[in-house]
């Protein structure tokens, strides 16, 4: 909390190697974009069958 008034968040450059050091700065939240932008894709299909 900045001046005991605001919650803080760290974002950018966060990975398995840096998250502990970033968290130890005292921020309230750590954003990890790699959870979404580095995830591999999965090819799915959906077939809809009509009622006859």
PDB file of N, CA and C in Angstrom:
ATOM      1  N   UNK A   1       0.858  -1.172   0.000  1.00  0.00           N
ATOM      2  CA  UNK A   1       0.000   0.000   0.000  1.00  0.00           C
ATOM      3  C   UNK A   1       0.896   1.224   0.000  1.00  0.00           C
ATOM      4  N   UNK A   2       0.632   2.121  -0.915  1.00  0.00           N
ATOM      5  CA  UNK A   2       1.395   3.359  -1.013  1.00  0.00           C
ATOM      6  C   UNK A   2       0.820   4.338  -0.003  1.00  0.00           C
ATOM      7  N   UNK A   3       1.629   4.720   0.964  1.00  0.00           N
ATOM      8  CA  UNK A   3       1.162   5.649   1.984  1.00  0.00           C
ATOM      9  C   UNK A   3      -0.059   5.137   2.734  1.00  0.00           C
ATOM     10  N   UNK A   4      -0.202   3.826   2.823  1.00  0.00           N
ATOM     11  CA  UNK A   4      -1.344   3.179   3.479  1.00  0.00           C
ATOM     12  C   UNK A   4      -2.675   3.622   2.881  1.00  0.00           C
ATOM     13  N   UNK A   5      -2.652   3.987   1.577  1.00  0.00           N
ATOM     14  CA  UNK A   5      -3.874   4.447   0.925  1.00  0.00           C
ATOM     15  C   UNK A   5      -4.221   3.660  -0.329  1.00  0.00           C
ATOM     16  N   UNK A   6      -3.229   3.210  -1.073  1.00  0.00           N
ATOM     17  CA  UNK A   6      -3.488   2.596  -2.366  1.00  0.00           C
ATOM     18  C   UNK A   6      -2.836   1.222  -2.468  1.00  0.00           C
ATOM     19  N   UNK A   7      -3.545   0.287  -3.092  1.00  0.00           N
ATOM     20  CA  UNK A   7      -2.957  -1.017  -3.375  1.00  0.00           C
ATOM     21  C   UNK A   7      -2.090  -0.886  -4.617  1.00  0.00           C
ATOM     22  N   UNK A   8      -0.999  -1.660  -4.683  1.00  0.00           N
ATOM     23  CA  UNK A   8      -0.080  -1.568  -5.812  1.00  0.00           C
ATOM     24  C   UNK A   8       0.014  -2.903  -6.546  1.00  0.00           C
ATOM     25  N   UNK A   9       0.377  -2.816  -7.833  1.00  0.00           N
ATOM     26  CA  UNK A   9       0.506  -3.995  -8.681  1.00  0.00           C
ATOM     27  C   UNK A   9       1.778  -3.865  -9.504  1.00  0.00           C
ATOM     28  N   UNK A  10       2.522  -4.949  -9.615  1.00  0.00           N
ATOM     29  CA  UNK A  10       3.710  -4.989 -10.471  1.00  0.00           C
ATOM     30  C   UNK A  10       3.364  -5.807 -11.705  1.00  0.00           C
ATOM     31  N   UNK A  11       3.814  -5.325 -12.872  1.00  0.00           N
ATOM     32  CA  UNK A  11       3.503  -5.998 -14.119  1.00  0.00           C
ATOM     33  C   UNK A  11       4.651  -5.777 -15.090  1.00  0.00           C
ATOM     34  N   UNK A  12       4.914  -6.753 -15.928  1.00  0.00           N
ATOM     35  CA  UNK A  12       5.968  -6.624 -16.930  1.00  0.00           C
ATOM     36  C   UNK A  12       7.246  -7.303 -16.485  1.00  0.00           C
ATOM     37  N   UNK A  13       7.758  -8.172 -17.302  1.00  0.00           N
ATOM     38  CA  UNK A  13       8.996  -8.869 -16.983  1.00  0.00           C
ATOM     39  C   UNK A  13       8.854  -9.916 -15.897  1.00  0.00           C
ATOM     40  N   UNK A  14       7.630 -10.317 -15.620  1.00  0.00           N
ATOM     41  CA  UNK A  14       7.389 -11.292 -14.553  1.00  0.00           C
ATOM     42  C   UNK A  14       7.460 -12.701 -15.133  1.00  0.00           C
ATOM     43  N   UNK A  15       8.299 -13.520 -14.540  1.00  0.00           N
ATOM     44  CA  UNK A  15       8.377 -14.926 -14.924  1.00  0.00           C
ATOM     45  C   UNK A  15       8.801 -15.727 -13.701  1.00  0.00           C
ATOM     46  N   UNK A  16       8.992 -17.005 -13.869  1.00  0.00           N
ATOM     47  CA  UNK A  16       9.326 -17.883 -12.747  1.00  0.00           C
ATOM     48  C   UNK A  16      10.624 -17.470 -12.050  1.00  0.00           C
ATOM     49  N   UNK A  17      11.508 -16.808 -12.788  1.00  0.00           N
ATOM     50  CA  UNK A  17      12.801 -16.417 -12.229  1.00  0.00           C
ATOM     51  C   UNK A  17      12.754 -15.071 -11.513  1.00  0.00           C
ATOM     52  N   UNK A  18      11.779 -14.224 -11.826  1.00  0.00           N
ATOM     53  CA  UNK A  18      11.741 -12.876 -11.256  1.00  0.00           C
ATOM     54  C   UNK A  18      10.610 -12.641 -10.264  1.00  0.00           C
ATOM     55  N   UNK A  19       9.634 -13.532 -10.203  1.00  0.00           N
ATOM     56  CA  UNK A  19       8.436 -13.268  -9.417  1.00  0.00           C
ATOM     57  C   UNK A  19       8.728 -13.099  -7.926  1.00  0.00           C
ATOM     58  N   UNK A  20       9.615 -13.883  -7.369  1.00  0.00           N
ATOM     59  CA  UNK A  20       9.909 -13.751  -5.933  1.00  0.00           C
ATOM     60  C   UNK A  20      10.540 -12.398  -5.617  1.00  0.00           C
ATOM     61  N   UNK A  21      11.501 -11.990  -6.428  1.00  0.00           N
ATOM     62  CA  UNK A  21      12.160 -10.697  -6.201  1.00  0.00           C
ATOM     63  C   UNK A  21      11.154  -9.553  -6.315  1.00  0.00           C
ATOM     64  N   UNK A  22      10.259  -9.642  -7.295  1.00  0.00           N
ATOM     65  CA  UNK A  22       9.240  -8.609  -7.472  1.00  0.00           C
ATOM     66  C   UNK A  22       8.279  -8.603  -6.285  1.00  0.00           C
ATOM     67  N   UNK A  23       7.832  -9.771  -5.857  1.00  0.00           N
ATOM     68  CA  UNK A  23       6.902  -9.858  -4.728  1.00  0.00           C
ATOM     69  C   UNK A  23       7.524  -9.316  -3.449  1.00  0.00           C
ATOM     70  N   UNK A  24       8.816  -9.506  -3.277  1.00  0.00           N
ATOM     71  CA  UNK A  24       9.498  -9.050  -2.063  1.00  0.00           C
ATOM     72  C   UNK A  24       9.598  -7.527  -1.973  1.00  0.00           C
ATOM     73  N   UNK A  25       9.258  -6.809  -3.046  1.00  0.00           N
ATOM     74  CA  UNK A  25       9.274  -5.344  -2.982  1.00  0.00           C
ATOM     75  C   UNK A  25       8.119  -4.810  -2.159  1.00  0.00           C
ATOM     76  N   UNK A  26       7.119  -5.666  -1.888  1.00  0.00           N
ATOM     77  CA  UNK A  26       5.996  -5.247  -1.059  1.00  0.00           C
ATOM     78  C   UNK A  26       4.737  -4.902  -1.827  1.00  0.00           C
ATOM     79  N   UNK A  27       4.715  -5.139  -3.131  1.00  0.00           N
ATOM     80  CA  UNK A  27       3.497  -4.869  -3.897  1.00  0.00           C
ATOM     81  C   UNK A  27       2.378  -5.789  -3.429  1.00  0.00           C
ATOM     82  N   UNK A  28       1.153  -5.366  -3.662  1.00  0.00           N
ATOM     83  CA  UNK A  28       0.004  -6.169  -3.257  1.00  0.00           C
ATOM     84  C   UNK A  28      -0.325  -7.265  -4.266  1.00  0.00           C
ATOM     85  N   UNK A  29      -0.114  -6.970  -5.546  1.00  0.00           N
ATOM     86  CA  UNK A  29      -0.448  -7.912  -6.612  1.00  0.00           C
ATOM     87  C   UNK A  29       0.689  -7.983  -7.618  1.00  0.00           C
ATOM     88  N   UNK A  30       0.888  -9.150  -8.205  1.00  0.00           N
ATOM     89  CA  UNK A  30       1.863  -9.342  -9.279  1.00  0.00           C
ATOM     90  C   UNK A  30       1.109  -9.916 -10.470  1.00  0.00           C
ATOM     91  N   UNK A  31       1.148  -9.196 -11.605  1.00  0.00           N
ATOM     92  CA  UNK A  31       0.479  -9.663 -12.828  1.00  0.00           C
ATOM     93  C   UNK A  31       1.456 -10.475 -13.656  1.00  0.00           C
ATOM     94  N   UNK A  32       1.003 -11.617 -14.138  1.00  0.00           N
ATOM     95  CA  UNK A  32       1.849 -12.493 -14.947  1.00  0.00           C
ATOM     96  C   UNK A  32       1.183 -12.677 -16.306  1.00  0.00           C
ATOM     97  N   UNK A  33       1.584 -11.873 -17.288  1.00  0.00           N
ATOM     98  CA  UNK A  33       1.006 -11.949 -18.619  1.00  0.00           C
ATOM     99  C   UNK A  33       1.363 -13.227 -19.348  1.00  0.00           C
ATOM    100  N   UNK A  34       2.448 -13.867 -18.952  1.00  0.00           N
ATOM    101  CA  UNK A  34       2.872 -15.104 -19.614  1.00  0.00           C
ATOM    102  C   UNK A  34       1.815 -16.197 -19.496  1.00  0.00           C
ATOM    103  N   UNK A  35       0.933 -16.078 -18.519  1.00  0.00           N
ATOM    104  CA  UNK A  35      -0.136 -17.071 -18.373  1.00  0.00           C
ATOM    105  C   UNK A  35      -1.033 -17.100 -19.600  1.00  0.00           C
ATOM    106  N   UNK A  36      -1.173 -15.962 -20.282  1.00  0.00           N
ATOM    107  CA  UNK A  36      -2.036 -15.920 -21.462  1.00  0.00           C
ATOM    108  C   UNK A  36      -1.258 -15.793 -22.760  1.00  0.00           C
ATOM    109  N   UNK A  37      -0.248 -14.918 -22.815  1.00  0.00           N
ATOM    110  CA  UNK A  37       0.421 -14.708 -24.103  1.00  0.00           C
ATOM    111  C   UNK A  37       1.476 -15.753 -24.436  1.00  0.00           C
ATOM    112  N   UNK A  38       1.867 -16.574 -23.503  1.00  0.00           N
ATOM    113  CA  UNK A  38       2.865 -17.608 -23.780  1.00  0.00           C
ATOM    114  C   UNK A  38       2.278 -19.022 -23.777  1.00  0.00           C
ATOM    115  N   UNK A  39       0.991 -19.117 -23.568  1.00  0.00           N
ATOM    116  CA  UNK A  39       0.349 -20.435 -23.556  1.00  0.00           C
ATOM    117  C   UNK A  39       0.280 -20.994 -24.974  1.00  0.00           C
ATOM    118  N   UNK A  40       0.436 -22.291 -25.088  1.00  0.00           N
ATOM    119  CA  UNK A  40       0.323 -22.921 -26.403  1.00  0.00           C
ATOM    120  C   UNK A  40      -1.154 -23.072 -26.770  1.00  0.00           C
ATOM    121  N   UNK A  41      -1.411 -23.144 -28.058  1.00  0.00           N
ATOM    122  CA  UNK A  41      -2.797 -23.243 -28.516  1.00  0.00           C
ATOM    123  C   UNK A  41      -3.260 -24.698 -28.526  1.00  0.00           C
ATOM    124  N   UNK A  42      -4.547 -24.857 -28.525  1.00  0.00           N
ATOM    125  CA  UNK A  42      -5.168 -26.171 -28.578  1.00  0.00           C
ATOM    126  C   UNK A  42      -6.249 -26.117 -29.648  1.00  0.00           C
ATOM    127  N   UNK A  43      -6.153 -26.985 -30.634  1.00  0.00           N
ATOM    128  CA  UNK A  43      -7.098 -27.007 -31.743  1.00  0.00           C
ATOM    129  C   UNK A  43      -8.310 -27.855 -31.365  1.00  0.00           C
ATOM    130  N   UNK A  44      -9.442 -27.213 -31.233  1.00  0.00           N
ATOM    131  CA  UNK A  44     -10.690 -27.897 -30.890  1.00  0.00           C
ATOM    132  C   UNK A  44     -11.715 -27.665 -31.992  1.00  0.00           C
ATOM    133  N   UNK A  45     -12.611 -28.609 -32.170  1.00  0.00           N
ATOM    134  CA  UNK A  45     -13.725 -28.397 -33.089  1.00  0.00           C
ATOM    135  C   UNK A  45     -15.012 -28.807 -32.392  1.00  0.00           C
ATOM    136  N   UNK A  46     -16.107 -28.228 -32.858  1.00  0.00           N
ATOM    137  CA  UNK A  46     -17.408 -28.514 -32.280  1.00  0.00           C
ATOM    138  C   UNK A  46     -18.385 -28.710 -33.427  1.00  0.00           C
ATOM    139  N   UNK A  47     -19.008 -29.840 -33.461  1.00  0.00           N
ATOM    140  CA  UNK A  47     -19.996 -30.119 -34.503  1.00  0.00           C
ATOM    141  C   UNK A  47     -21.380 -30.068 -33.873  1.00  0.00           C
ATOM    142  N   UNK A  48     -22.219 -29.246 -34.452  1.00  0.00           N
ATOM    143  CA  UNK A  48     -23.586 -29.109 -33.968  1.00  0.00           C
ATOM    144  C   UNK A  48     -24.485 -29.938 -34.874  1.00  0.00           C
ATOM    145  N   UNK A  49     -25.232 -30.829 -34.286  1.00  0.00           N
ATOM    146  CA  UNK A  49     -26.128 -31.700 -35.039  1.00  0.00           C
ATOM    147  C   UNK A  49     -27.555 -31.250 -34.764  1.00  0.00           C
ATOM    148  N   UNK A  50     -28.285 -30.952 -35.841  1.00  0.00           N
ATOM    149  CA  UNK A  50     -29.667 -30.516 -35.691  1.00  0.00           C
ATOM    150  C   UNK A  50     -30.597 -31.670 -35.377  1.00  0.00           C
ATOM    151  N   UNK A  51     -31.697 -31.354 -34.755  1.00  0.00           N
ATOM    152  CA  UNK A  51     -32.702 -32.358 -34.413  1.00  0.00           C
ATOM    153  C   UNK A  51     -33.548 -32.633 -35.655  1.00  0.00           C
ATOM    154  N   UNK A  52     -33.706 -33.884 -36.008  1.00  0.00           N
ATOM    155  CA  UNK A  52     -34.476 -34.221 -37.217  1.00  0.00           C
ATOM    156  C   UNK A  52     -35.829 -34.759 -36.878  1.00  0.00           C
TER     157      UNK A  52
END
